[in-house]
């Protein structure tokens, strides 16, 4: 009886941990095409075991909508250009 209880408790704990880990992958839907001048912040998060690809989260600011966060597709050419541009922009100390 104790073995059955321990097995059920372990199974329940594993299910809870699996559902909590899936929440960490924020980029399930990719964002729109963006303008470089609207970028306020850019975060590159590494690939997790539960995410298919790395997460690139960009914070944009516009007068109409204010600040918004979007996930970008790391395979798109526009995202690759944005990463290069952002690194150069940061090195110049802006």
PDB file of N, CA and C in Angstrom:
ATOM      1  N   UNK A   1       0.816  -1.191   0.000  1.00  0.00           N
ATOM      2  CA  UNK A   1       0.000   0.000   0.000  1.00  0.00           C
ATOM      3  C   UNK A   1       0.863   1.259   0.000  1.00  0.00           C
ATOM      4  N   UNK A   2       1.942   1.236   0.819  1.00  0.00           N
ATOM      5  CA  UNK A   2       2.822   2.401   0.859  1.00  0.00           C
ATOM      6  C   UNK A   2       3.518   2.612  -0.482  1.00  0.00           C
ATOM      7  N   UNK A   3       3.853   1.527  -1.142  1.00  0.00           N
ATOM      8  CA  UNK A   3       4.509   1.612  -2.440  1.00  0.00           C
ATOM      9  C   UNK A   3       3.587   2.240  -3.474  1.00  0.00           C
ATOM     10  N   UNK A   4       2.330   1.886  -3.460  1.00  0.00           N
ATOM     11  CA  UNK A   4       1.347   2.456  -4.382  1.00  0.00           C
ATOM     12  C   UNK A   4       1.151   3.942  -4.119  1.00  0.00           C
ATOM     13  N   UNK A   5       1.073   4.325  -2.868  1.00  0.00           N
ATOM     14  CA  UNK A   5       0.925   5.735  -2.500  1.00  0.00           C
ATOM     15  C   UNK A   5       2.144   6.534  -2.938  1.00  0.00           C
ATOM     16  N   UNK A   6       3.324   5.993  -2.708  1.00  0.00           N
ATOM     17  CA  UNK A   6       4.547   6.680  -3.110  1.00  0.00           C
ATOM     18  C   UNK A   6       4.625   6.819  -4.631  1.00  0.00           C
ATOM     19  N   UNK A   7       4.211   5.792  -5.355  1.00  0.00           N
ATOM     20  CA  UNK A   7       4.238   5.845  -6.814  1.00  0.00           C
ATOM     21  C   UNK A   7       3.263   6.894  -7.343  1.00  0.00           C
ATOM     22  N   UNK A   8       2.069   6.952  -6.760  1.00  0.00           N
ATOM     23  CA  UNK A   8       1.087   7.956  -7.181  1.00  0.00           C
ATOM     24  C   UNK A   8       1.568   9.369  -6.856  1.00  0.00           C
ATOM     25  N   UNK A   9       2.171   9.541  -5.690  1.00  0.00           N
ATOM     26  CA  UNK A   9       2.710  10.849  -5.313  1.00  0.00           C
ATOM     27  C   UNK A   9       3.829  11.270  -6.260  1.00  0.00           C
ATOM     28  N   UNK A  10       4.700  10.344  -6.619  1.00  0.00           N
ATOM     29  CA  UNK A  10       5.778  10.628  -7.551  1.00  0.00           C
ATOM     30  C   UNK A  10       5.240  10.971  -8.942  1.00  0.00           C
ATOM     31  N   UNK A  11       4.220  10.263  -9.381  1.00  0.00           N
ATOM     32  CA  UNK A  11       3.587  10.544 -10.670  1.00  0.00           C
ATOM     33  C   UNK A  11       2.949  11.928 -10.674  1.00  0.00           C
ATOM     34  N   UNK A  12       2.262  12.272  -9.603  1.00  0.00           N
ATOM     35  CA  UNK A  12       1.644  13.597  -9.487  1.00  0.00           C
ATOM     36  C   UNK A  12       2.700  14.701  -9.502  1.00  0.00           C
ATOM     37  N   UNK A  13       3.776  14.492  -8.792  1.00  0.00           N
ATOM     38  CA  UNK A  13       4.861  15.472  -8.749  1.00  0.00           C
ATOM     39  C   UNK A  13       5.499  15.653 -10.122  1.00  0.00           C
ATOM     40  N   UNK A  14       5.691  14.564 -10.849  1.00  0.00           N
ATOM     41  CA  UNK A  14       6.269  14.638 -12.197  1.00  0.00           C
ATOM     42  C   UNK A  14       5.349  15.393 -13.146  1.00  0.00           C
ATOM     43  N   UNK A  15       4.047  15.182 -13.028  1.00  0.00           N
ATOM     44  CA  UNK A  15       3.098  15.897 -13.886  1.00  0.00           C
ATOM     45  C   UNK A  15       3.093  17.384 -13.587  1.00  0.00           C
ATOM     46  N   UNK A  16       3.187  17.758 -12.320  1.00  0.00           N
ATOM     47  CA  UNK A  16       3.223  19.176 -11.948  1.00  0.00           C
ATOM     48  C   UNK A  16       4.474  19.856 -12.471  1.00  0.00           C
ATOM     49  N   UNK A  17       5.607  19.201 -12.356  1.00  0.00           N
ATOM     50  CA  UNK A  17       6.861  19.774 -12.844  1.00  0.00           C
ATOM     51  C   UNK A  17       6.857  19.900 -14.362  1.00  0.00           C
ATOM     52  N   UNK A  18       6.294  18.938 -15.053  1.00  0.00           N
ATOM     53  CA  UNK A  18       6.246  18.982 -16.518  1.00  0.00           C
ATOM     54  C   UNK A  18       5.379  20.130 -16.995  1.00  0.00           C
ATOM     55  N   UNK A  19       4.271  20.382 -16.325  1.00  0.00           N
ATOM     56  CA  UNK A  19       3.402  21.488 -16.740  1.00  0.00           C
ATOM     57  C   UNK A  19       4.031  22.830 -16.392  1.00  0.00           C
ATOM     58  N   UNK A  20       4.781  22.919 -15.300  1.00  0.00           N
ATOM     59  CA  UNK A  20       5.428  24.173 -14.919  1.00  0.00           C
ATOM     60  C   UNK A  20       6.567  24.512 -15.871  1.00  0.00           C
ATOM     61  N   UNK A  21       7.279  23.511 -16.376  1.00  0.00           N
ATOM     62  CA  UNK A  21       8.384  23.764 -17.292  1.00  0.00           C
ATOM     63  C   UNK A  21       7.886  24.246 -18.649  1.00  0.00           C
ATOM     64  N   UNK A  22       6.753  23.780 -19.078  1.00  0.00           N
ATOM     65  CA  UNK A  22       6.205  24.195 -20.362  1.00  0.00           C
ATOM     66  C   UNK A  22       5.830  25.656 -20.397  1.00  0.00           C
ATOM     67  N   UNK A  23       5.588  26.251 -19.229  1.00  0.00           N
ATOM     68  CA  UNK A  23       5.212  27.656 -19.153  1.00  0.00           C
ATOM     69  C   UNK A  23       6.408  28.559 -19.476  1.00  0.00           C
ATOM     70  N   UNK A  24       7.619  28.098 -19.249  1.00  0.00           N
ATOM     71  CA  UNK A  24       8.803  28.923 -19.459  1.00  0.00           C
ATOM     72  C   UNK A  24       9.052  29.246 -20.926  1.00  0.00           C
ATOM     73  N   UNK A  25       8.509  28.484 -21.829  1.00  0.00           N
ATOM     74  CA  UNK A  25       8.692  28.739 -23.253  1.00  0.00           C
ATOM     75  C   UNK A  25       7.672  29.785 -23.694  1.00  0.00           C
ATOM     76  N   UNK A  26       8.095  31.043 -23.751  1.00  0.00           N
ATOM     77  CA  UNK A  26       7.177  32.149 -24.026  1.00  0.00           C
ATOM     78  C   UNK A  26       6.843  32.297 -25.501  1.00  0.00           C
ATOM     79  N   UNK A  27       7.696  31.832 -26.362  1.00  0.00           N
ATOM     80  CA  UNK A  27       7.550  32.125 -27.786  1.00  0.00           C
ATOM     81  C   UNK A  27       6.803  31.031 -28.530  1.00  0.00           C
ATOM     82  N   UNK A  28       5.563  30.855 -28.217  1.00  0.00           N
ATOM     83  CA  UNK A  28       4.780  29.878 -28.961  1.00  0.00           C
ATOM     84  C   UNK A  28       4.244  30.496 -30.252  1.00  0.00           C
ATOM     85  N   UNK A  29       4.054  31.812 -30.261  1.00  0.00           N
ATOM     86  CA  UNK A  29       3.577  32.516 -31.446  1.00  0.00           C
ATOM     87  C   UNK A  29       4.567  33.632 -31.776  1.00  0.00           C
ATOM     88  N   UNK A  30       4.945  33.751 -33.002  1.00  0.00           N
ATOM     89  CA  UNK A  30       5.954  34.732 -33.393  1.00  0.00           C
ATOM     90  C   UNK A  30       5.304  36.086 -33.698  1.00  0.00           C
ATOM     91  N   UNK A  31       6.049  37.144 -33.436  1.00  0.00           N
ATOM     92  CA  UNK A  31       5.539  38.497 -33.598  1.00  0.00           C
ATOM     93  C   UNK A  31       5.617  39.026 -35.017  1.00  0.00           C
ATOM     94  N   UNK A  32       5.198  40.261 -35.197  1.00  0.00           N
ATOM     95  CA  UNK A  32       5.150  40.867 -36.525  1.00  0.00           C
ATOM     96  C   UNK A  32       6.514  41.377 -36.976  1.00  0.00           C
ATOM     97  N   UNK A  33       6.575  41.842 -38.203  1.00  0.00           N
ATOM     98  CA  UNK A  33       7.775  42.503 -38.706  1.00  0.00           C
ATOM     99  C   UNK A  33       7.894  43.842 -37.978  1.00  0.00           C
ATOM    100  N   UNK A  34       9.111  44.197 -37.586  1.00  0.00           N
ATOM    101  CA  UNK A  34       9.283  45.396 -36.761  1.00  0.00           C
ATOM    102  C   UNK A  34      10.209  46.405 -37.420  1.00  0.00           C
ATOM    103  N   UNK A  35      10.126  47.631 -36.941  1.00  0.00           N
ATOM    104  CA  UNK A  35      11.048  48.690 -37.365  1.00  0.00           C
ATOM    105  C   UNK A  35      12.149  48.808 -36.325  1.00  0.00           C
ATOM    106  N   UNK A  36      13.382  48.904 -36.780  1.00  0.00           N
ATOM    107  CA  UNK A  36      14.512  48.959 -35.858  1.00  0.00           C
ATOM    108  C   UNK A  36      14.452  50.182 -34.944  1.00  0.00           C
ATOM    109  N   UNK A  37      13.908  51.278 -35.433  1.00  0.00           N
ATOM    110  CA  UNK A  37      13.873  52.502 -34.641  1.00  0.00           C
ATOM    111  C   UNK A  37      12.930  52.404 -33.443  1.00  0.00           C
ATOM    112  N   UNK A  38      12.015  51.460 -33.437  1.00  0.00           N
ATOM    113  CA  UNK A  38      11.069  51.308 -32.337  1.00  0.00           C
ATOM    114  C   UNK A  38      11.568  50.381 -31.230  1.00  0.00           C
ATOM    115  N   UNK A  39      12.734  49.777 -31.406  1.00  0.00           N
ATOM    116  CA  UNK A  39      13.248  48.793 -30.443  1.00  0.00           C
ATOM    117  C   UNK A  39      13.765  49.506 -29.201  1.00  0.00           C
ATOM    118  N   UNK A  40      13.270  49.082 -28.048  1.00  0.00           N
ATOM    119  CA  UNK A  40      13.752  49.595 -26.763  1.00  0.00           C
ATOM    120  C   UNK A  40      14.690  48.604 -26.083  1.00  0.00           C
ATOM    121  N   UNK A  41      14.345  47.321 -26.168  1.00  0.00           N
ATOM    122  CA  UNK A  41      15.138  46.304 -25.477  1.00  0.00           C
ATOM    123  C   UNK A  41      15.058  45.006 -26.263  1.00  0.00           C
ATOM    124  N   UNK A  42      16.155  44.260 -26.249  1.00  0.00           N
ATOM    125  CA  UNK A  42      16.222  42.995 -26.958  1.00  0.00           C
ATOM    126  C   UNK A  42      16.817  41.946 -26.024  1.00  0.00           C
ATOM    127  N   UNK A  43      16.115  40.830 -25.844  1.00  0.00           N
ATOM    128  CA  UNK A  43      16.593  39.741 -24.994  1.00  0.00           C
ATOM    129  C   UNK A  43      16.703  38.468 -25.823  1.00  0.00           C
ATOM    130  N   UNK A  44      17.842  37.801 -25.705  1.00  0.00           N
ATOM    131  CA  UNK A  44      18.029  36.514 -26.374  1.00  0.00           C
ATOM    132  C   UNK A  44      18.182  35.470 -25.286  1.00  0.00           C
ATOM    133  N   UNK A  45      17.214  34.576 -25.205  1.00  0.00           N
ATOM    134  CA  UNK A  45      17.228  33.519 -24.194  1.00  0.00           C
ATOM    135  C   UNK A  45      17.641  32.220 -24.875  1.00  0.00           C
ATOM    136  N   UNK A  46      18.463  31.418 -24.228  1.00  0.00           N
ATOM    137  CA  UNK A  46      18.945  30.176 -24.861  1.00  0.00           C
ATOM    138  C   UNK A  46      17.826  29.162 -25.046  1.00  0.00           C
ATOM    139  N   UNK A  47      18.127  28.168 -25.833  1.00  0.00           N
ATOM    140  CA  UNK A  47      17.185  27.082 -26.088  1.00  0.00           C
ATOM    141  C   UNK A  47      17.053  26.217 -24.846  1.00  0.00           C
ATOM    142  N   UNK A  48      15.848  25.986 -24.407  1.00  0.00           N
ATOM    143  CA  UNK A  48      15.582  25.107 -23.275  1.00  0.00           C
ATOM    144  C   UNK A  48      15.207  23.729 -23.809  1.00  0.00           C
ATOM    145  N   UNK A  49      15.269  22.708 -22.982  1.00  0.00           N
ATOM    146  CA  UNK A  49      14.888  21.368 -23.456  1.00  0.00           C
ATOM    147  C   UNK A  49      13.431  21.289 -23.910  1.00  0.00           C
ATOM    148  N   UNK A  50      12.570  22.151 -23.376  1.00  0.00           N
ATOM    149  CA  UNK A  50      11.158  22.101 -23.704  1.00  0.00           C
ATOM    150  C   UNK A  50      10.766  23.110 -24.774  1.00  0.00           C
ATOM    151  N   UNK A  51      11.706  23.895 -25.277  1.00  0.00           N
ATOM    152  CA  UNK A  51      11.450  24.825 -26.379  1.00  0.00           C
ATOM    153  C   UNK A  51      12.188  24.333 -27.621  1.00  0.00           C
ATOM    154  N   UNK A  52      11.589  24.501 -28.761  1.00  0.00           N
ATOM    155  CA  UNK A  52      12.172  24.014 -29.999  1.00  0.00           C
ATOM    156  C   UNK A  52      13.357  24.869 -30.422  1.00  0.00           C
ATOM    157  N   UNK A  53      13.269  26.194 -30.256  1.00  0.00           N
ATOM    158  CA  UNK A  53      14.337  27.093 -30.687  1.00  0.00           C
ATOM    159  C   UNK A  53      14.558  28.169 -29.635  1.00  0.00           C
ATOM    160  N   UNK A  54      15.654  28.937 -29.781  1.00  0.00           N
ATOM    161  CA  UNK A  54      15.949  29.984 -28.808  1.00  0.00           C
ATOM    162  C   UNK A  54      14.872  31.071 -28.880  1.00  0.00           C
ATOM    163  N   UNK A  55      14.719  31.775 -27.767  1.00  0.00           N
ATOM    164  CA  UNK A  55      13.699  32.818 -27.685  1.00  0.00           C
ATOM    165  C   UNK A  55      14.340  34.181 -27.882  1.00  0.00           C
ATOM    166  N   UNK A  56      13.830  34.953 -28.807  1.00  0.00           N
ATOM    167  CA  UNK A  56      14.273  36.324 -29.020  1.00  0.00           C
ATOM    168  C   UNK A  56      13.079  37.214 -28.713  1.00  0.00           C
ATOM    169  N   UNK A  57      13.162  37.934 -27.586  1.00  0.00           N
ATOM    170  CA  UNK A  57      12.062  38.768 -27.131  1.00  0.00           C
ATOM    171  C   UNK A  57      12.477  40.219 -27.304  1.00  0.00           C
ATOM    172  N   UNK A  58      11.663  40.969 -28.024  1.00  0.00           N
ATOM    173  CA  UNK A  58      11.957  42.365 -28.299  1.00  0.00           C
ATOM    174  C   UNK A  58      10.852  43.226 -27.687  1.00  0.00           C
ATOM    175  N   UNK A  59      11.272  44.335 -27.057  1.00  0.00           N
ATOM    176  CA  UNK A  59      10.321  45.296 -26.504  1.00  0.00           C
ATOM    177  C   UNK A  59      10.302  46.503 -27.427  1.00  0.00           C
ATOM    178  N   UNK A  60       9.129  46.815 -27.937  1.00  0.00           N
ATOM    179  CA  UNK A  60       8.952  47.926 -28.872  1.00  0.00           C
ATOM    180  C   UNK A  60       8.204  49.059 -28.189  1.00  0.00           C
ATOM    181  N   UNK A  61       8.429  50.275 -28.674  1.00  0.00           N
ATOM    182  CA  UNK A  61       7.676  51.417 -28.180  1.00  0.00           C
ATOM    183  C   UNK A  61       7.159  52.211 -29.369  1.00  0.00           C
ATOM    184  N   UNK A  62       5.866  52.480 -29.355  1.00  0.00           N
ATOM    185  CA  UNK A  62       5.252  53.362 -30.344  1.00  0.00           C
ATOM    186  C   UNK A  62       4.349  54.339 -29.611  1.00  0.00           C
ATOM    187  N   UNK A  63       4.102  55.482 -30.232  1.00  0.00           N
ATOM    188  CA  UNK A  63       3.237  56.476 -29.600  1.00  0.00           C
ATOM    189  C   UNK A  63       1.818  55.966 -29.424  1.00  0.00           C
ATOM    190  N   UNK A  64       1.353  55.236 -30.393  1.00  0.00           N
ATOM    191  CA  UNK A  64      -0.039  54.784 -30.379  1.00  0.00           C
ATOM    192  C   UNK A  64      -0.265  53.675 -29.356  1.00  0.00           C
ATOM    193  N   UNK A  65       0.603  52.674 -29.341  1.00  0.00           N
ATOM    194  CA  UNK A  65       0.380  51.491 -28.505  1.00  0.00           C
ATOM    195  C   UNK A  65       1.225  51.438 -27.251  1.00  0.00           C
ATOM    196  N   UNK A  66       2.212  52.288 -27.099  1.00  0.00           N
ATOM    197  CA  UNK A  66       3.091  52.239 -25.935  1.00  0.00           C
ATOM    198  C   UNK A  66       4.095  51.101 -26.064  1.00  0.00           C
ATOM    199  N   UNK A  67       4.450  50.491 -24.924  1.00  0.00           N
ATOM    200  CA  UNK A  67       5.409  49.380 -24.942  1.00  0.00           C
ATOM    201  C   UNK A  67       4.698  48.057 -25.156  1.00  0.00           C
ATOM    202  N   UNK A  68       5.284  47.234 -26.028  1.00  0.00           N
ATOM    203  CA  UNK A  68       4.770  45.897 -26.296  1.00  0.00           C
ATOM    204  C   UNK A  68       5.932  44.941 -26.443  1.00  0.00           C
ATOM    205  N   UNK A  69       5.725  43.698 -26.024  1.00  0.00           N
ATOM    206  CA  UNK A  69       6.736  42.660 -26.184  1.00  0.00           C
ATOM    207  C   UNK A  69       6.281  41.678 -27.253  1.00  0.00           C
ATOM    208  N   UNK A  70       7.233  41.268 -28.095  1.00  0.00           N
ATOM    209  CA  UNK A  70       6.960  40.301 -29.151  1.00  0.00           C
ATOM    210  C   UNK A  70       8.088  39.288 -29.204  1.00  0.00           C
ATOM    211  N   UNK A  71       7.751  38.087 -29.592  1.00  0.00           N
ATOM    212  CA  UNK A  71       8.749  37.057 -29.865  1.00  0.00           C
ATOM    213  C   UNK A  71       9.041  37.068 -31.358  1.00  0.00           C
ATOM    214  N   UNK A  72      10.318  36.926 -31.699  1.00  0.00           N
ATOM    215  CA  UNK A  72      10.704  36.922 -33.097  1.00  0.00           C
ATOM    216  C   UNK A  72      11.204  35.550 -33.504  1.00  0.00           C
ATOM    217  N   UNK A  73      10.991  35.224 -34.742  1.00  0.00           N
ATOM    218  CA  UNK A  73      11.458  33.956 -35.296  1.00  0.00           C
ATOM    219  C   UNK A  73      12.963  34.082 -35.564  1.00  0.00           C
ATOM    220  N   UNK A  74      13.811  33.273 -34.902  1.00  0.00           N
ATOM    221  CA  UNK A  74      15.258  33.405 -35.071  1.00  0.00           C
ATOM    222  C   UNK A  74      15.766  33.006 -36.457  1.00  0.00           C
ATOM    223  N   UNK A  75      14.941  32.349 -37.258  1.00  0.00           N
ATOM    224  CA  UNK A  75      15.384  31.915 -38.582  1.00  0.00           C
ATOM    225  C   UNK A  75      15.112  32.946 -39.668  1.00  0.00           C
ATOM    226  N   UNK A  76      14.303  33.964 -39.386  1.00  0.00           N
ATOM    227  CA  UNK A  76      13.989  34.971 -40.398  1.00  0.00           C
ATOM    228  C   UNK A  76      15.179  35.897 -40.627  1.00  0.00           C
ATOM    229  N   UNK A  77      15.353  36.332 -41.846  1.00  0.00           N
ATOM    230  CA  UNK A  77      16.469  37.201 -42.205  1.00  0.00           C
ATOM    231  C   UNK A  77      16.372  38.546 -41.483  1.00  0.00           C
ATOM    232  N   UNK A  78      15.156  39.052 -41.310  1.00  0.00           N
ATOM    233  CA  UNK A  78      14.970  40.330 -40.635  1.00  0.00           C
ATOM    234  C   UNK A  78      15.432  40.261 -39.171  1.00  0.00           C
ATOM    235  N   UNK A  79      15.208  39.141 -38.509  1.00  0.00           N
ATOM    236  CA  UNK A  79      15.640  38.962 -37.120  1.00  0.00           C
ATOM    237  C   UNK A  79      17.159  38.888 -37.032  1.00  0.00           C
ATOM    238  N   UNK A  80      17.790  38.212 -37.965  1.00  0.00           N
ATOM    239  CA  UNK A  80      19.260  38.126 -37.985  1.00  0.00           C
ATOM    240  C   UNK A  80      19.861  39.524 -38.159  1.00  0.00           C
ATOM    241  N   UNK A  81      19.274  40.315 -39.070  1.00  0.00           N
ATOM    242  CA  UNK A  81      19.741  41.693 -39.265  1.00  0.00           C
ATOM    243  C   UNK A  81      19.529  42.535 -38.012  1.00  0.00           C
ATOM    244  N   UNK A  82      18.404  42.331 -37.336  1.00  0.00           N
ATOM    245  CA  UNK A  82      18.128  43.079 -36.111  1.00  0.00           C
ATOM    246  C   UNK A  82      19.156  42.757 -35.033  1.00  0.00           C
ATOM    247  N   UNK A  83      19.512  41.497 -34.874  1.00  0.00           N
ATOM    248  CA  UNK A  83      20.514  41.117 -33.878  1.00  0.00           C
ATOM    249  C   UNK A  83      21.861  41.769 -34.166  1.00  0.00           C
ATOM    250  N   UNK A  84      22.285  41.761 -35.428  1.00  0.00           N
ATOM    251  CA  UNK A  84      23.554  42.408 -35.795  1.00  0.00           C
ATOM    252  C   UNK A  84      23.495  43.900 -35.530  1.00  0.00           C
ATOM    253  N   UNK A  85      22.396  44.547 -35.927  1.00  0.00           N
ATOM    254  CA  UNK A  85      22.236  45.980 -35.730  1.00  0.00           C
ATOM    255  C   UNK A  85      22.239  46.332 -34.246  1.00  0.00           C
ATOM    256  N   UNK A  86      21.558  45.546 -33.422  1.00  0.00           N
ATOM    257  CA  UNK A  86      21.447  45.834 -31.998  1.00  0.00           C
ATOM    258  C   UNK A  86      22.798  45.698 -31.303  1.00  0.00           C
ATOM    259  N   UNK A  87      23.588  44.696 -31.697  1.00  0.00           N
ATOM    260  CA  UNK A  87      24.918  44.531 -31.099  1.00  0.00           C
ATOM    261  C   UNK A  87      25.822  45.708 -31.420  1.00  0.00           C
ATOM    262  N   UNK A  88      25.791  46.180 -32.670  1.00  0.00           N
ATOM    263  CA  UNK A  88      26.597  47.333 -33.072  1.00  0.00           C
ATOM    264  C   UNK A  88      26.127  48.573 -32.334  1.00  0.00           C
ATOM    265  N   UNK A  89      24.826  48.738 -32.227  1.00  0.00           N
ATOM    266  CA  UNK A  89      24.240  49.902 -31.545  1.00  0.00           C
ATOM    267  C   UNK A  89      24.637  49.925 -30.076  1.00  0.00           C
ATOM    268  N   UNK A  90      24.648  48.749 -29.423  1.00  0.00           N
ATOM    269  CA  UNK A  90      25.041  48.664 -28.016  1.00  0.00           C
ATOM    270  C   UNK A  90      26.526  48.938 -27.815  1.00  0.00           C
ATOM    271  N   UNK A  91      27.371  48.489 -28.774  1.00  0.00           N
ATOM    272  CA  UNK A  91      28.812  48.728 -28.658  1.00  0.00           C
ATOM    273  C   UNK A  91      29.144  50.206 -28.759  1.00  0.00           C
ATOM    274  N   UNK A  92      28.355  50.946 -29.483  1.00  0.00           N
ATOM    275  CA  UNK A  92      28.588  52.391 -29.587  1.00  0.00           C
ATOM    276  C   UNK A  92      28.164  53.134 -28.339  1.00  0.00           C
ATOM    277  N   UNK A  93      27.531  52.432 -27.404  1.00  0.00           N
ATOM    278  CA  UNK A  93      27.181  53.026 -26.101  1.00  0.00           C
ATOM    279  C   UNK A  93      25.930  53.866 -26.118  1.00  0.00           C
ATOM    280  N   UNK A  94      25.008  53.546 -26.951  1.00  0.00           N
ATOM    281  CA  UNK A  94      23.769  54.324 -26.998  1.00  0.00           C
ATOM    282  C   UNK A  94      22.720  53.726 -26.118  1.00  0.00           C
TER     283      UNK A  94
END
